[in-house]
């Protein structure tokens, strides 16, 4: 039971910030009180990120190997997503995004504590493959942030048009700023996803002894790449933004979920391979 405590501490920090955020929204704090609350939130999230990062480093690089376990990868993706949010919030004031980022982060940080099986690759043999995995996780994290940011944009747009929304949030950056940030993140994620797909083709035979397979993971990954490529073309050639950008962003992210999380869940959790 004691091994759960560090994970519970980080989950508590993320959850406590989320609860306090909703408390401040409900109370409609004054400007000075709101700024003080946001400063505290940033500090608490920074503490959570440091503890979360330490746990990931300890678990992934334990016993001289490189742990490729499904739960650890999910936790790492959410850690990076939180870090991207924390950094972006300083410049773009995205504190309302806490409503979307903090709950899954609080849940996913607990997953490694319940890992049933580990998948170690000796560090000495991993070589460039570790770089491939790191780039892939960063790409997935950027697209996770983009999807959550797209949800925030959808809420902001409905709020501005006085339409009913499933969630009430206190403030947003201007939509044009949010739109610009969305495409910056998608562009960065697209570049990294491209590198991931190319390097995956190179490492498949080297690591697993067989060329890249035309399975559902490969098909969904390539389909997601095509969706994001089409979205970027639409943006820079036709000026796509708003609802169109949100829909394509979420559709591309859904395909990524099916490609990575779907295949890993079936193999590592359901089949125990």
Protein backbone atom coordinates (compact mmCIF):
# COMPACT_ATOMS: atom_id res chain seq x y z
CA UNK A 1 0.00 0.00 0.00
CA UNK A 2 2.85 2.39 0.82
CA UNK A 3 3.98 2.41 -2.82
CA UNK A 4 0.69 4.14 -3.72
CA UNK A 5 1.34 7.17 -1.52
CA UNK A 6 3.57 9.20 -3.92
CA UNK A 7 1.07 8.72 -6.77
CA UNK A 8 -1.83 9.66 -4.50
CA UNK A 9 0.00 12.82 -3.42
CA UNK A 10 0.39 14.00 -7.02
CA UNK A 11 -3.19 13.07 -7.87
CA UNK A 12 -4.34 15.00 -4.81
CA UNK A 13 -2.39 18.10 -5.90
CA UNK A 14 -3.93 18.06 -9.39
CA UNK A 15 -7.41 17.36 -8.00
CA UNK A 16 -7.09 20.05 -5.30
CA UNK A 17 -6.18 22.67 -7.90
CA UNK A 18 -9.16 21.60 -10.04
CA UNK A 19 -11.54 21.83 -7.06
CA UNK A 20 -10.19 25.24 -6.04
CA UNK A 21 -10.52 26.43 -9.64
CA UNK A 22 -14.21 25.48 -9.67
CA UNK A 23 -14.64 27.10 -6.24
CA UNK A 24 -13.20 30.37 -7.56
CA UNK A 25 -15.47 30.21 -10.61
CA UNK A 26 -18.55 29.71 -8.45
CA UNK A 27 -17.63 32.51 -6.02
CA UNK A 28 -16.86 35.00 -8.83
CA UNK A 29 -13.78 36.39 -7.06
CA UNK A 30 -12.55 39.95 -7.45
CA UNK A 31 -9.67 40.67 -9.80
CA UNK A 32 -7.02 40.69 -7.04
CA UNK A 33 -8.41 37.53 -5.44
CA UNK A 34 -8.56 35.78 -8.82
CA UNK A 35 -4.93 36.71 -9.59
CA UNK A 36 -3.81 35.43 -6.20
CA UNK A 37 -5.72 32.19 -6.76
CA UNK A 38 -4.20 31.70 -10.22
CA UNK A 39 -0.70 32.31 -8.85
CA UNK A 40 -1.29 29.63 -6.22
CA UNK A 41 -2.61 27.26 -8.90
CA UNK A 42 0.52 27.72 -11.04
CA UNK A 43 2.73 27.02 -8.03
CA UNK A 44 0.80 23.91 -7.05
CA UNK A 45 0.79 22.60 -10.62
CA UNK A 46 4.56 23.16 -10.81
CA UNK A 47 4.98 21.12 -7.63
CA UNK A 48 2.77 18.38 -9.04
CA UNK A 49 4.76 18.35 -12.28
CA UNK A 50 8.06 17.97 -10.43
CA UNK A 51 6.80 15.07 -8.32
CA UNK A 52 5.05 13.46 -11.28
CA UNK A 53 8.19 13.80 -13.40
CA UNK A 54 10.32 12.20 -10.69
CA UNK A 55 7.95 9.23 -10.43
CA UNK A 56 7.99 8.74 -14.20
CA UNK A 57 11.78 8.88 -14.36
CA UNK A 58 12.05 6.41 -11.51
CA UNK A 59 9.54 3.98 -13.04
CA UNK A 60 10.52 4.20 -16.70
CA UNK A 61 14.28 3.90 -16.16
CA UNK A 62 14.16 1.45 -13.27
CA UNK A 63 16.57 -1.52 -12.95
CA UNK A 64 18.79 -0.34 -15.78
CA UNK A 65 16.16 -0.74 -18.49
CA UNK A 66 13.67 1.29 -20.51
CA UNK A 67 10.09 0.54 -19.48
CA UNK A 68 7.65 0.53 -22.41
CA UNK A 69 4.59 -0.31 -20.27
CA UNK A 70 1.22 1.00 -21.41
CA UNK A 71 0.31 2.72 -18.13
CA UNK A 72 3.67 4.48 -17.94
CA UNK A 73 3.33 5.81 -21.47
CA UNK A 74 -0.14 7.21 -20.74
CA UNK A 75 1.12 8.86 -17.56
CA UNK A 76 4.05 10.38 -19.47
CA UNK A 77 1.73 11.74 -22.16
CA UNK A 78 -0.45 13.47 -19.58
CA UNK A 79 2.62 14.78 -17.73
CA UNK A 80 3.88 16.42 -20.92
CA UNK A 81 0.39 17.71 -21.71
CA UNK A 82 0.27 19.34 -18.27
CA UNK A 83 3.74 20.82 -18.81
CA UNK A 84 2.71 22.27 -22.19
CA UNK A 85 -0.39 23.78 -20.57
CA UNK A 86 1.62 25.22 -17.65
CA UNK A 87 4.10 26.91 -19.99
CA UNK A 88 1.46 28.17 -22.44
CA UNK A 89 -0.62 29.64 -19.60
CA UNK A 90 2.06 32.22 -18.79
CA UNK A 91 1.79 33.83 -22.22
CA UNK A 92 -1.79 33.12 -23.28
CA UNK A 93 -3.69 33.07 -19.95
CA UNK A 94 -5.29 29.69 -20.57
CA UNK A 95 -6.24 29.07 -16.94
CA UNK A 96 -9.77 28.01 -17.98
CA UNK A 97 -8.12 25.03 -19.67
CA UNK A 98 -7.55 23.63 -16.18
CA UNK A 99 -11.12 22.34 -16.38
CA UNK A 100 -10.06 19.96 -19.17
CA UNK A 101 -6.42 19.19 -18.30
CA UNK A 102 -6.38 18.58 -14.55
CA UNK A 103 -9.02 15.80 -14.19
CA UNK A 104 -7.39 13.34 -16.63
CA UNK A 105 -3.94 14.21 -15.25
CA UNK A 106 -5.12 13.37 -11.72
CA UNK A 107 -6.43 10.02 -12.99
CA UNK A 108 -3.57 9.03 -15.27
CA UNK A 109 -0.83 9.76 -12.73
CA UNK A 110 -2.25 6.85 -10.70
CA UNK A 111 -2.02 4.30 -13.51
CA UNK A 112 1.64 3.23 -13.00
CA UNK A 113 0.82 2.28 -9.40
CA UNK A 114 -1.55 -0.37 -10.79
CA UNK A 115 0.66 -1.62 -13.62
CA UNK A 116 0.18 -5.37 -13.95
CA UNK A 117 3.17 -6.06 -16.17
CA UNK A 118 6.30 -4.18 -17.23
CA UNK A 119 7.94 -4.24 -20.65
CA UNK A 120 11.64 -3.54 -20.28
CA UNK A 121 14.10 -2.99 -23.09
CA UNK A 122 17.73 -2.95 -21.91
CA UNK A 123 19.04 0.61 -22.09
CA UNK A 124 22.25 -0.52 -23.77
CA UNK A 125 20.23 -2.05 -26.60
CA UNK A 126 17.65 0.72 -26.93
CA UNK A 127 19.90 3.31 -28.59
CA UNK A 128 18.06 5.55 -30.98
CA UNK A 129 14.84 3.65 -30.34
CA UNK A 130 14.50 5.56 -27.06
CA UNK A 131 14.65 8.80 -29.05
CA UNK A 132 11.93 7.47 -31.34
CA UNK A 133 9.70 6.72 -28.32
CA UNK A 134 10.40 10.13 -26.76
CA UNK A 135 9.47 11.95 -29.98
CA UNK A 136 6.31 9.86 -30.33
CA UNK A 137 5.21 10.61 -26.75
CA UNK A 138 5.88 14.32 -27.25
CA UNK A 139 3.85 14.27 -30.49
CA UNK A 140 0.92 12.53 -28.73
CA UNK A 141 1.16 15.06 -25.88
CA UNK A 142 0.99 18.00 -28.27
CA UNK A 143 -2.06 16.54 -29.97
CA UNK A 144 -3.65 15.80 -26.58
CA UNK A 145 -3.15 19.45 -25.65
CA UNK A 146 -4.51 20.51 -29.05
CA UNK A 147 -7.65 18.39 -28.55
CA UNK A 148 -8.28 19.80 -25.07
CA UNK A 149 -7.61 23.30 -26.36
CA UNK A 150 -10.07 22.69 -29.20
CA UNK A 151 -12.73 21.76 -26.61
CA UNK A 152 -12.02 25.03 -24.80
CA UNK A 153 -12.41 26.90 -28.10
CA UNK A 154 -15.76 25.20 -28.70
CA UNK A 155 -17.00 26.28 -25.26
CA UNK A 156 -15.67 29.82 -25.77
CA UNK A 157 -17.36 30.19 -29.15
CA UNK A 158 -20.72 28.98 -27.83
CA UNK A 159 -20.39 31.28 -24.83
CA UNK A 160 -19.70 34.31 -27.04
CA UNK A 161 -22.78 33.49 -29.12
CA UNK A 162 -24.83 33.04 -25.91
CA UNK A 163 -25.56 29.41 -26.73
CA UNK A 164 -25.99 26.75 -24.01
CA UNK A 165 -22.75 24.96 -23.08
CA UNK A 166 -22.05 21.81 -21.11
CA UNK A 167 -19.60 23.70 -18.92
CA UNK A 168 -19.39 27.26 -17.58
CA UNK A 169 -15.94 28.86 -17.55
CA UNK A 170 -14.97 32.33 -16.29
CA UNK A 171 -12.78 33.77 -19.03
CA UNK A 172 -11.00 33.05 -22.29
CA UNK A 173 -8.26 34.63 -24.40
CA UNK A 174 -9.55 36.19 -27.64
CA UNK A 175 -10.65 33.50 -30.09
CA UNK A 176 -8.11 34.65 -32.68
CA UNK A 177 -5.33 34.11 -30.12
CA UNK A 178 -6.65 30.66 -29.24
CA UNK A 179 -6.97 29.79 -32.91
CA UNK A 180 -3.38 30.85 -33.60
CA UNK A 181 -2.08 28.82 -30.66
CA UNK A 182 -4.04 25.76 -31.79
CA UNK A 183 -2.37 25.72 -35.18
CA UNK A 184 1.09 26.36 -33.74
CA UNK A 185 0.66 23.30 -31.54
CA UNK A 186 -0.78 21.20 -34.37
CA UNK A 187 2.08 22.20 -36.69
CA UNK A 188 4.68 21.18 -34.09
CA UNK A 189 2.81 17.94 -33.38
CA UNK A 190 2.51 17.19 -37.10
CA UNK A 191 6.27 17.55 -37.61
CA UNK A 192 6.97 15.21 -34.70
CA UNK A 193 4.30 12.72 -35.84
CA UNK A 194 5.93 12.66 -39.29
CA UNK A 195 9.31 11.91 -37.72
CA UNK A 196 7.67 9.23 -35.56
CA UNK A 197 6.10 7.46 -38.54
CA UNK A 198 9.32 7.55 -40.57
CA UNK A 199 11.52 6.39 -37.69
CA UNK A 200 8.94 3.74 -36.82
CA UNK A 201 9.39 2.24 -40.27
CA UNK A 202 13.16 2.16 -39.75
CA UNK A 203 13.08 0.69 -36.24
CA UNK A 204 10.39 -1.91 -36.82
CA UNK A 205 12.70 -4.35 -38.54
CA UNK A 206 15.70 -3.47 -36.35
CA UNK A 207 13.91 -3.98 -33.02
CA UNK A 208 11.15 -6.47 -33.80
CA UNK A 209 12.80 -8.36 -36.66
CA UNK A 210 10.05 -7.63 -39.18
CA UNK A 211 9.08 -4.71 -41.42
CA UNK A 212 6.28 -2.32 -40.56
CA UNK A 213 3.01 -4.23 -40.54
CA UNK A 214 -0.18 -3.04 -42.21
CA UNK A 215 -2.20 -3.52 -39.02
CA UNK A 216 -4.87 -1.25 -37.60
CA UNK A 217 -2.29 0.73 -35.58
CA UNK A 218 -0.37 1.63 -38.73
CA UNK A 219 -3.56 2.37 -40.67
CA UNK A 220 -5.01 4.66 -37.98
CA UNK A 221 -1.66 6.43 -37.48
CA UNK A 222 -1.34 7.19 -41.18
CA UNK A 223 -5.02 8.22 -41.34
CA UNK A 224 -4.45 10.63 -38.45
CA UNK A 225 -1.38 12.04 -40.20
CA UNK A 226 -3.49 12.61 -43.34
CA UNK A 227 -6.21 14.37 -41.32
CA UNK A 228 -3.75 16.78 -39.72
CA UNK A 229 -2.00 17.35 -43.05
CA UNK A 230 -5.38 18.18 -44.62
CA UNK A 231 -6.20 20.51 -41.72
CA UNK A 232 -2.91 22.40 -42.10
CA UNK A 233 -3.42 22.71 -45.86
CA UNK A 234 -6.93 24.01 -45.23
CA UNK A 235 -5.61 26.50 -42.69
CA UNK A 236 -2.82 27.99 -44.76
CA UNK A 237 -4.58 27.81 -48.14
CA UNK A 238 -8.23 28.38 -47.28
CA UNK A 239 -8.02 30.07 -43.88
CA UNK A 240 -9.87 27.38 -41.94
CA UNK A 241 -10.56 28.28 -38.31
CA UNK A 242 -13.23 28.07 -35.63
CA UNK A 243 -15.65 25.13 -35.77
CA UNK A 244 -13.98 23.61 -38.82
CA UNK A 245 -10.59 23.55 -37.10
CA UNK A 246 -12.10 22.15 -33.90
CA UNK A 247 -13.89 19.30 -35.71
CA UNK A 248 -10.84 18.20 -37.73
CA UNK A 249 -8.57 18.49 -34.67
CA UNK A 250 -10.81 16.24 -32.60
CA UNK A 251 -11.28 13.77 -35.46
CA UNK A 252 -7.52 13.46 -35.97
CA UNK A 253 -7.01 12.99 -32.24
CA UNK A 254 -9.66 10.25 -32.14
CA UNK A 255 -7.74 8.35 -34.82
CA UNK A 256 -4.53 8.73 -32.81
CA UNK A 257 -6.31 7.29 -29.77
CA UNK A 258 -7.45 4.31 -31.82
CA UNK A 259 -3.94 3.87 -33.23
CA UNK A 260 -1.89 3.96 -30.05
CA UNK A 261 -4.07 3.61 -26.98
CA UNK A 262 -6.47 1.16 -28.63
CA UNK A 263 -3.74 -1.23 -29.79
CA UNK A 264 -1.73 -0.97 -26.57
CA UNK A 265 -4.84 -1.52 -24.42
CA UNK A 266 -5.74 -4.68 -26.28
CA UNK A 267 -2.20 -6.10 -26.28
CA UNK A 268 -1.00 -5.14 -22.79
CA UNK A 269 -4.21 -5.14 -20.77
CA UNK A 270 -6.73 -7.49 -22.38
CA UNK A 271 -4.27 -10.02 -23.84
CA UNK A 272 -1.46 -9.50 -21.32
CA UNK A 273 1.24 -9.63 -24.00
